[in-house]
Amino acid sequence: PDMTVIVPADPAETAGAVHWAYSELDGPAYIRVSRMKVPAVHGEDYVFTPEAVTVRDGADLTIIANGVTVHRAVDAADRLAAEGVRARLLSVPVVKPLDEGAVLAAARETGRIITVEEGTVKGGLGGAVAELVTERCPVPVRRIGVPDEFAPTGSEAWLMDHWGISADGIIAAARELVAGPAA
């Protein structure tokens, strides 16, 4: 109860999240940081905020990502743009409490959502987004992440690709959603 759950996307966001949790947050926080090296997504002038950050704007669908998946989602959004698919990309560093306003606006404005996370799709970002939009603004949602099953052994990169937590996996889900009806 009352635990803030933070999943930063890159070194700048990690540093900002730690500082924010220490200096601004009144209550406990869990900050999930991966061992995987990730490229910078945010510039050096980035200031952490617990709200969702629009990394790319678009109207055809929304990709909602956090943690080490954000840079993969950037790649997917850029490649989709080259195909004429305008994907909005939200980086959501705080899973709990979720930035409901940003998620609901994305649902209303784009009609389709893909969530991408490096953890299990149950009980994480995808689950939180699906619960919210199901109750308040039903739209098609595809959750990309680790299924709730026994995990094989492999490198982090191999495991991410194995479960489609990649630009190619995001693009495949986007193509499927765009081909179907929007809400």
Foldseek 3Di string as FASTA:
>chain_A
DPEWEFAAAADQQVVQVVVCCVPPDDDHYDYDADPDHADDLDDPPDHHDQAKDWSFDFQAAEEEEEHNLLVQVVVLQVVVVVVVHHYTYIYRGIFVVYNLVVLVVRCVRNQEYEYAYAAECPPTNVPSSCVSCVPPPDGYYHYQYDYPDDQDDDDSVVSCVVRLSGSVSVNVVSVVRSVDDGD
